[in-house]
């Protein structure tokens, strides 16, 4: 019994420090952490997109065709990442927070238009996909910062043009 008391008394100071940090400014995350660069998606082997993009014409961008929504297609998602470097803008475009029109044709290209809820005239965008050329263009319009002009993205710095984003409807 005396031995057990002695062990308990010796262990007590050690247990008192459990869970405490010596340095309260020490954190688990490194202060110089840089998140990885966003990369364009690629299909897994054997899961390449076989449904033609034209199958989406007349359907809303978030309607699935063959189990895949328009913005979730590898060619559309990759094109969006390549065309628009701003992750926040890509999320705005892909998001489901505002109205959208059905996907439509622009000649040989396919396009999807969307806008901010209750502010469509002043804040909208169009994603234009040319599957044959494997090229995507994005038009983005925000009247508060651009007036009557729109920014066009195609992988380089955006170009501001004196035109609105194309839509059908």
C-alpha atoms as a PDB file:
ATOM      1  CA  UNK A   1       0.000   0.000   0.000  1.00  0.00           C
ATOM      2  CA  UNK A   2       2.822   2.335   0.861  1.00  0.00           C
ATOM      3  CA  UNK A   3       4.445   1.558  -2.508  1.00  0.00           C
ATOM      4  CA  UNK A   4       1.206   2.369  -4.386  1.00  0.00           C
ATOM      5  CA  UNK A   5       0.966   5.695  -2.591  1.00  0.00           C
ATOM      6  CA  UNK A   6       4.525   6.472  -3.518  1.00  0.00           C
ATOM      7  CA  UNK A   7       3.906   5.649  -7.233  1.00  0.00           C
ATOM      8  CA  UNK A   8       0.735   7.784  -7.251  1.00  0.00           C
ATOM      9  CA  UNK A   9       2.562  10.718  -5.706  1.00  0.00           C
ATOM     10  CA  UNK A  10       5.361  10.480  -8.250  1.00  0.00           C
ATOM     11  CA  UNK A  11       2.917  10.188 -11.186  1.00  0.00           C
ATOM     12  CA  UNK A  12       0.717  13.093 -10.091  1.00  0.00           C
ATOM     13  CA  UNK A  13       3.052  15.863 -11.349  1.00  0.00           C
ATOM     14  CA  UNK A  14       3.396  14.061 -14.665  1.00  0.00           C
ATOM     15  CA  UNK A  15      -0.370  13.741 -15.127  1.00  0.00           C
ATOM     16  CA  UNK A  16      -0.942  17.384 -14.316  1.00  0.00           C
ATOM     17  CA  UNK A  17       0.825  18.413 -17.528  1.00  0.00           C
ATOM     18  CA  UNK A  18      -1.186  16.143 -19.863  1.00  0.00           C
ATOM     19  CA  UNK A  19      -2.944  17.990 -22.648  1.00  0.00           C
ATOM     20  CA  UNK A  20      -1.174  21.289 -21.970  1.00  0.00           C
ATOM     21  CA  UNK A  21       1.026  23.027 -24.488  1.00  0.00           C
ATOM     22  CA  UNK A  22       4.259  24.635 -23.500  1.00  0.00           C
ATOM     23  CA  UNK A  23       3.823  27.336 -26.143  1.00  0.00           C
ATOM     24  CA  UNK A  24       0.266  28.701 -26.521  1.00  0.00           C
ATOM     25  CA  UNK A  25       1.159  30.160 -29.949  1.00  0.00           C
ATOM     26  CA  UNK A  26       2.055  26.706 -31.318  1.00  0.00           C
ATOM     27  CA  UNK A  27      -0.623  25.579 -33.778  1.00  0.00           C
ATOM     28  CA  UNK A  28      -1.209  22.429 -35.769  1.00  0.00           C
ATOM     29  CA  UNK A  29      -1.217  24.171 -39.168  1.00  0.00           C
ATOM     30  CA  UNK A  30       1.950  25.603 -40.615  1.00  0.00           C
ATOM     31  CA  UNK A  31       1.805  29.358 -41.091  1.00  0.00           C
ATOM     32  CA  UNK A  32       3.245  29.100 -44.593  1.00  0.00           C
ATOM     33  CA  UNK A  33       0.735  26.560 -45.941  1.00  0.00           C
ATOM     34  CA  UNK A  34      -0.207  27.093 -49.572  1.00  0.00           C
ATOM     35  CA  UNK A  35      -3.181  25.094 -50.857  1.00  0.00           C
ATOM     36  CA  UNK A  36      -2.541  22.985 -53.956  1.00  0.00           C
ATOM     37  CA  UNK A  37      -3.250  24.475 -57.384  1.00  0.00           C
ATOM     38  CA  UNK A  38      -6.637  23.619 -58.898  1.00  0.00           C
ATOM     39  CA  UNK A  39      -6.218  21.158 -61.728  1.00  0.00           C
ATOM     40  CA  UNK A  40      -8.641  20.305 -64.466  1.00  0.00           C
ATOM     41  CA  UNK A  41     -10.507  17.043 -63.857  1.00  0.00           C
ATOM     42  CA  UNK A  42      -9.678  13.968 -65.894  1.00  0.00           C
ATOM     43  CA  UNK A  43     -11.871  10.899 -66.226  1.00  0.00           C
ATOM     44  CA  UNK A  44     -10.835   7.616 -64.674  1.00  0.00           C
ATOM     45  CA  UNK A  45      -9.724   4.954 -67.163  1.00  0.00           C
ATOM     46  CA  UNK A  46     -12.787   3.458 -68.808  1.00  0.00           C
ATOM     47  CA  UNK A  47     -15.026   6.337 -67.722  1.00  0.00           C
ATOM     48  CA  UNK A  48     -14.521   8.778 -70.574  1.00  0.00           C
ATOM     49  CA  UNK A  49     -17.511  10.946 -71.487  1.00  0.00           C
ATOM     50  CA  UNK A  50     -19.451   9.239 -74.285  1.00  0.00           C
ATOM     51  CA  UNK A  51     -22.641  11.316 -74.267  1.00  0.00           C
ATOM     52  CA  UNK A  52     -22.342  14.123 -76.818  1.00  0.00           C
ATOM     53  CA  UNK A  53     -22.521  17.598 -75.340  1.00  0.00           C
ATOM     54  CA  UNK A  54     -25.407  18.388 -77.694  1.00  0.00           C
ATOM     55  CA  UNK A  55     -27.557  16.017 -75.602  1.00  0.00           C
ATOM     56  CA  UNK A  56     -27.798  18.856 -73.046  1.00  0.00           C
ATOM     57  CA  UNK A  57     -29.401  21.300 -75.472  1.00  0.00           C
ATOM     58  CA  UNK A  58     -32.879  22.128 -74.156  1.00  0.00           C
ATOM     59  CA  UNK A  59     -32.096  20.889 -70.634  1.00  0.00           C
ATOM     60  CA  UNK A  60     -31.094  23.042 -67.677  1.00  0.00           C
ATOM     61  CA  UNK A  61     -27.383  22.964 -66.748  1.00  0.00           C
ATOM     62  CA  UNK A  62     -28.056  21.098 -63.502  1.00  0.00           C
ATOM     63  CA  UNK A  63     -30.252  18.442 -65.159  1.00  0.00           C
ATOM     64  CA  UNK A  64     -28.399  15.163 -65.484  1.00  0.00           C
ATOM     65  CA  UNK A  65     -28.015  13.491 -68.858  1.00  0.00           C
ATOM     66  CA  UNK A  66     -26.780   9.935 -68.477  1.00  0.00           C
ATOM     67  CA  UNK A  67     -26.276  10.655 -64.768  1.00  0.00           C
ATOM     68  CA  UNK A  68     -24.005  13.681 -65.318  1.00  0.00           C
ATOM     69  CA  UNK A  69     -24.974  17.381 -65.073  1.00  0.00           C
ATOM     70  CA  UNK A  70     -23.609  19.833 -67.666  1.00  0.00           C
ATOM     71  CA  UNK A  71     -21.041  21.466 -65.353  1.00  0.00           C
ATOM     72  CA  UNK A  72     -19.935  18.048 -64.062  1.00  0.00           C
ATOM     73  CA  UNK A  73     -18.908  16.812 -67.522  1.00  0.00           C
ATOM     74  CA  UNK A  74     -15.149  16.450 -67.725  1.00  0.00           C
ATOM     75  CA  UNK A  75     -14.877  18.611 -70.852  1.00  0.00           C
ATOM     76  CA  UNK A  76     -17.013  21.408 -69.375  1.00  0.00           C
ATOM     77  CA  UNK A  77     -15.382  21.304 -65.915  1.00  0.00           C
ATOM     78  CA  UNK A  78     -11.888  21.186 -67.439  1.00  0.00           C
ATOM     79  CA  UNK A  79     -12.705  23.991 -69.846  1.00  0.00           C
ATOM     80  CA  UNK A  80     -14.052  26.139 -67.016  1.00  0.00           C
ATOM     81  CA  UNK A  81     -10.879  25.618 -64.944  1.00  0.00           C
ATOM     82  CA  UNK A  82      -8.696  26.412 -67.972  1.00  0.00           C
ATOM     83  CA  UNK A  83     -10.686  29.487 -69.045  1.00  0.00           C
ATOM     84  CA  UNK A  84     -11.278  31.107 -65.627  1.00  0.00           C
ATOM     85  CA  UNK A  85      -8.430  31.291 -63.131  1.00  0.00           C
ATOM     86  CA  UNK A  86     -10.594  32.762 -60.353  1.00  0.00           C
ATOM     87  CA  UNK A  87     -11.945  29.900 -58.205  1.00  0.00           C
ATOM     88  CA  UNK A  88     -14.638  32.108 -56.628  1.00  0.00           C
ATOM     89  CA  UNK A  89     -15.975  33.082 -60.055  1.00  0.00           C
ATOM     90  CA  UNK A  90     -15.972  29.431 -61.165  1.00  0.00           C
ATOM     91  CA  UNK A  91     -18.013  28.531 -58.071  1.00  0.00           C
ATOM     92  CA  UNK A  92     -20.474  31.353 -58.816  1.00  0.00           C
ATOM     93  CA  UNK A  93     -20.930  30.019 -62.339  1.00  0.00           C
ATOM     94  CA  UNK A  94     -21.308  26.380 -61.293  1.00  0.00           C
ATOM     95  CA  UNK A  95     -23.498  27.183 -58.281  1.00  0.00           C
ATOM     96  CA  UNK A  96     -27.207  26.622 -58.037  1.00  0.00           C
ATOM     97  CA  UNK A  97     -28.104  29.890 -56.344  1.00  0.00           C
ATOM     98  CA  UNK A  98     -29.643  31.697 -59.293  1.00  0.00           C
ATOM     99  CA  UNK A  99     -31.821  31.176 -62.335  1.00  0.00           C
ATOM    100  CA  UNK A 100     -30.541  29.564 -65.497  1.00  0.00           C
ATOM    101  CA  UNK A 101     -31.912  29.002 -68.973  1.00  0.00           C
ATOM    102  CA  UNK A 102     -31.771  25.690 -70.802  1.00  0.00           C
ATOM    103  CA  UNK A 103     -28.486  24.900 -72.543  1.00  0.00           C
ATOM    104  CA  UNK A 104     -28.569  26.250 -76.095  1.00  0.00           C
ATOM    105  CA  UNK A 105     -26.621  26.140 -79.337  1.00  0.00           C
ATOM    106  CA  UNK A 106     -24.460  28.937 -80.659  1.00  0.00           C
ATOM    107  CA  UNK A 107     -23.669  27.616 -84.121  1.00  0.00           C
ATOM    108  CA  UNK A 108     -21.499  24.538 -83.553  1.00  0.00           C
ATOM    109  CA  UNK A 109     -20.905  25.467 -79.915  1.00  0.00           C
ATOM    110  CA  UNK A 110     -23.067  24.768 -76.857  1.00  0.00           C
ATOM    111  CA  UNK A 111     -23.703  27.407 -74.171  1.00  0.00           C
ATOM    112  CA  UNK A 112     -25.200  27.690 -70.696  1.00  0.00           C
ATOM    113  CA  UNK A 113     -26.385  30.996 -69.226  1.00  0.00           C
ATOM    114  CA  UNK A 114     -27.054  31.827 -65.578  1.00  0.00           C
ATOM    115  CA  UNK A 115     -27.506  34.823 -63.334  1.00  0.00           C
ATOM    116  CA  UNK A 116     -27.771  36.105 -59.791  1.00  0.00           C
ATOM    117  CA  UNK A 117     -31.250  35.660 -58.340  1.00  0.00           C
ATOM    118  CA  UNK A 118     -33.308  38.886 -58.478  1.00  0.00           C
ATOM    119  CA  UNK A 119     -30.458  40.644 -60.325  1.00  0.00           C
ATOM    120  CA  UNK A 120     -30.225  38.874 -63.693  1.00  0.00           C
ATOM    121  CA  UNK A 121     -29.878  41.965 -65.862  1.00  0.00           C
ATOM    122  CA  UNK A 122     -26.935  43.290 -63.883  1.00  0.00           C
ATOM    123  CA  UNK A 123     -25.131  40.091 -62.871  1.00  0.00           C
ATOM    124  CA  UNK A 124     -24.982  37.172 -65.317  1.00  0.00           C
ATOM    125  CA  UNK A 125     -22.637  34.812 -67.146  1.00  0.00           C
ATOM    126  CA  UNK A 126     -22.454  32.466 -70.118  1.00  0.00           C
ATOM    127  CA  UNK A 127     -20.226  29.419 -70.566  1.00  0.00           C
ATOM    128  CA  UNK A 128     -19.606  28.586 -74.232  1.00  0.00           C
ATOM    129  CA  UNK A 129     -18.104  25.173 -75.028  1.00  0.00           C
ATOM    130  CA  UNK A 130     -16.642  24.244 -78.400  1.00  0.00           C
ATOM    131  CA  UNK A 131     -16.145  20.479 -78.099  1.00  0.00           C
ATOM    132  CA  UNK A 132     -14.528  20.092 -81.517  1.00  0.00           C
ATOM    133  CA  UNK A 133     -11.853  22.684 -80.750  1.00  0.00           C
ATOM    134  CA  UNK A 134     -11.702  21.633 -77.064  1.00  0.00           C
ATOM    135  CA  UNK A 135     -12.050  25.296 -76.095  1.00  0.00           C
ATOM    136  CA  UNK A 136     -14.235  27.050 -73.539  1.00  0.00           C
ATOM    137  CA  UNK A 137     -15.050  30.752 -73.323  1.00  0.00           C
ATOM    138  CA  UNK A 138     -16.786  32.430 -70.425  1.00  0.00           C
ATOM    139  CA  UNK A 139     -18.567  35.766 -70.500  1.00  0.00           C
ATOM    140  CA  UNK A 140     -19.113  37.410 -67.100  1.00  0.00           C
ATOM    141  CA  UNK A 141     -21.110  40.588 -66.538  1.00  0.00           C
ATOM    142  CA  UNK A 142     -21.375  42.588 -63.315  1.00  0.00           C
ATOM    143  CA  UNK A 143     -22.932  46.004 -63.969  1.00  0.00           C
ATOM    144  CA  UNK A 144     -21.774  47.337 -60.599  1.00  0.00           C
ATOM    145  CA  UNK A 145     -18.120  47.067 -61.655  1.00  0.00           C
ATOM    146  CA  UNK A 146     -18.324  46.898 -65.474  1.00  0.00           C
ATOM    147  CA  UNK A 147     -21.181  49.170 -66.479  1.00  0.00           C
ATOM    148  CA  UNK A 148     -22.530  48.001 -69.855  1.00  0.00           C
ATOM    149  CA  UNK A 149     -19.453  45.914 -70.664  1.00  0.00           C
ATOM    150  CA  UNK A 150     -18.566  42.280 -69.901  1.00  0.00           C
ATOM    151  CA  UNK A 151     -15.368  40.343 -69.215  1.00  0.00           C
ATOM    152  CA  UNK A 152     -14.527  37.459 -71.553  1.00  0.00           C
ATOM    153  CA  UNK A 153     -12.287  34.641 -70.307  1.00  0.00           C
ATOM    154  CA  UNK A 154     -10.532  32.040 -72.442  1.00  0.00           C
ATOM    155  CA  UNK A 155      -7.499  31.049 -70.386  1.00  0.00           C
ATOM    156  CA  UNK A 156      -5.625  34.331 -70.603  1.00  0.00           C
ATOM    157  CA  UNK A 157      -6.335  37.558 -68.767  1.00  0.00           C
ATOM    158  CA  UNK A 158      -9.982  38.564 -69.207  1.00  0.00           C
ATOM    159  CA  UNK A 159     -10.790  40.986 -72.007  1.00  0.00           C
ATOM    160  CA  UNK A 160     -13.488  43.587 -71.354  1.00  0.00           C
ATOM    161  CA  UNK A 161     -15.813  43.971 -74.325  1.00  0.00           C
ATOM    162  CA  UNK A 162     -18.656  46.388 -75.023  1.00  0.00           C
ATOM    163  CA  UNK A 163     -21.254  43.651 -75.247  1.00  0.00           C
ATOM    164  CA  UNK A 164     -23.526  41.649 -73.000  1.00  0.00           C
ATOM    165  CA  UNK A 165     -23.230  37.940 -72.330  1.00  0.00           C
ATOM    166  CA  UNK A 166     -25.144  35.921 -74.927  1.00  0.00           C
ATOM    167  CA  UNK A 167     -28.282  34.145 -73.847  1.00  0.00           C
ATOM    168  CA  UNK A 168     -31.234  32.440 -75.418  1.00  0.00           C
ATOM    169  CA  UNK A 169     -34.686  32.993 -74.199  1.00  0.00           C
END
